[in-house]
Amino acid sequence: MNGNSAAKTVIPLSVRSSADPRTAMERRAAMTLSKRLTQVFNIDVETCRACGGTAKVIVCIEDSVVIEKILTHLNEAAP
């Protein structure tokens, strides 16, 4: 034992459908990210703010340069 008494949670991967081109690892990573955002920041990225319907994560931007460009653009465009 390494002193960590917390049990690891195993999340079963769903069966890949032809409508979902992502790999099993990509689907698991997207699910993990959405769950993490909900737990840490109380942000539910799986529910549409406007209508309350189910939303789907279609992209996850991790490149800090791209994120900075997007945020700068949004700040410049803000009224």
Protein backbone atom coordinates (compact mmCIF):
# COMPACT_ATOMS: atom_id res chain seq x y z
CA MET A 1 0.00 0.00 0.00
CA ASN A 2 1.14 3.52 -0.70
CA GLY A 3 -0.71 5.10 2.22
CA ASN A 4 -3.63 6.20 0.04
CA SER A 5 -6.75 4.68 1.56
CA ALA A 6 -9.14 6.10 -1.04
CA ALA A 7 -10.57 3.42 -3.29
CA LYS A 8 -10.36 4.03 -7.02
CA THR A 9 -13.66 4.26 -8.82
CA VAL A 10 -13.92 2.27 -12.02
CA ILE A 11 -16.27 3.78 -14.57
CA PRO A 12 -17.41 1.30 -17.21
CA LEU A 13 -17.03 2.48 -20.78
CA SER A 14 -20.14 2.48 -22.89
CA VAL A 15 -20.38 0.52 -26.10
CA ARG A 16 -19.13 2.53 -29.04
CA SER A 17 -21.84 3.41 -31.54
CA SER A 18 -21.30 4.27 -35.18
CA ALA A 19 -22.78 7.73 -34.52
CA ASP A 20 -19.96 8.54 -32.04
CA PRO A 21 -16.58 8.66 -33.84
CA ARG A 22 -14.57 9.13 -30.61
CA THR A 23 -12.47 6.35 -29.17
CA ALA A 24 -13.38 4.82 -25.82
CA MET A 25 -10.55 6.80 -24.19
CA GLU A 26 -11.82 10.08 -25.69
CA ARG A 27 -15.36 9.40 -24.45
CA ARG A 28 -14.07 8.57 -20.97
CA ALA A 29 -11.88 11.71 -20.87
CA ALA A 30 -14.79 13.92 -21.93
CA MET A 31 -17.03 12.37 -19.30
CA THR A 32 -14.35 12.73 -16.64
CA LEU A 33 -13.82 16.39 -17.52
CA SER A 34 -17.53 17.20 -17.33
CA LYS A 35 -17.85 15.42 -13.99
CA ARG A 36 -14.76 17.25 -12.71
CA LEU A 37 -16.19 20.65 -13.73
CA THR A 38 -19.44 19.81 -11.95
CA GLN A 39 -17.72 18.69 -8.76
CA VAL A 40 -15.07 21.42 -8.54
CA PHE A 41 -16.81 24.48 -9.97
CA ASN A 42 -20.48 23.45 -9.81
CA ILE A 43 -20.68 23.91 -13.60
CA ASP A 44 -22.96 21.49 -15.41
CA VAL A 45 -21.66 21.39 -18.98
CA GLU A 46 -24.09 18.61 -19.87
CA THR A 47 -27.20 20.80 -19.46
CA CYS A 48 -28.13 23.70 -21.75
CA ARG A 49 -28.47 26.97 -19.81
CA ALA A 50 -31.09 28.29 -22.21
CA CYS A 51 -33.54 25.38 -22.43
CA GLY A 52 -32.42 22.89 -19.76
CA GLY A 53 -31.99 20.15 -22.37
CA THR A 54 -29.04 17.82 -22.72
CA ALA A 55 -25.90 19.41 -24.14
CA LYS A 56 -22.99 17.61 -25.74
CA VAL A 57 -19.32 18.53 -25.35
CA ILE A 58 -17.98 18.78 -28.89
CA VAL A 59 -14.51 20.18 -28.20
CA CYS A 60 -12.12 20.65 -25.31
CA ILE A 61 -9.49 23.33 -25.90
CA GLU A 62 -6.32 22.72 -23.90
CA ASP A 63 -3.76 24.82 -25.79
CA SER A 64 -3.04 27.87 -23.61
CA VAL A 65 -2.20 30.07 -26.62
CA VAL A 66 -5.57 29.33 -28.23
CA ILE A 67 -7.40 29.87 -24.93
CA GLU A 68 -5.67 33.25 -24.48
CA LYS A 69 -6.66 34.31 -28.02
CA ILE A 70 -10.29 33.36 -27.43
CA LEU A 71 -10.50 35.15 -24.09
CA THR A 72 -8.79 38.27 -25.50
CA HIS A 73 -11.24 38.32 -28.40
CA LEU A 74 -14.21 37.95 -26.04
CA ASN A 75 -12.95 40.80 -23.82
CA GLU A 76 -12.51 43.05 -26.84
CA ALA A 77 -15.97 42.21 -28.16
CA ALA A 78 -17.69 42.76 -24.78
CA PRO A 79 -19.86 45.90 -24.62
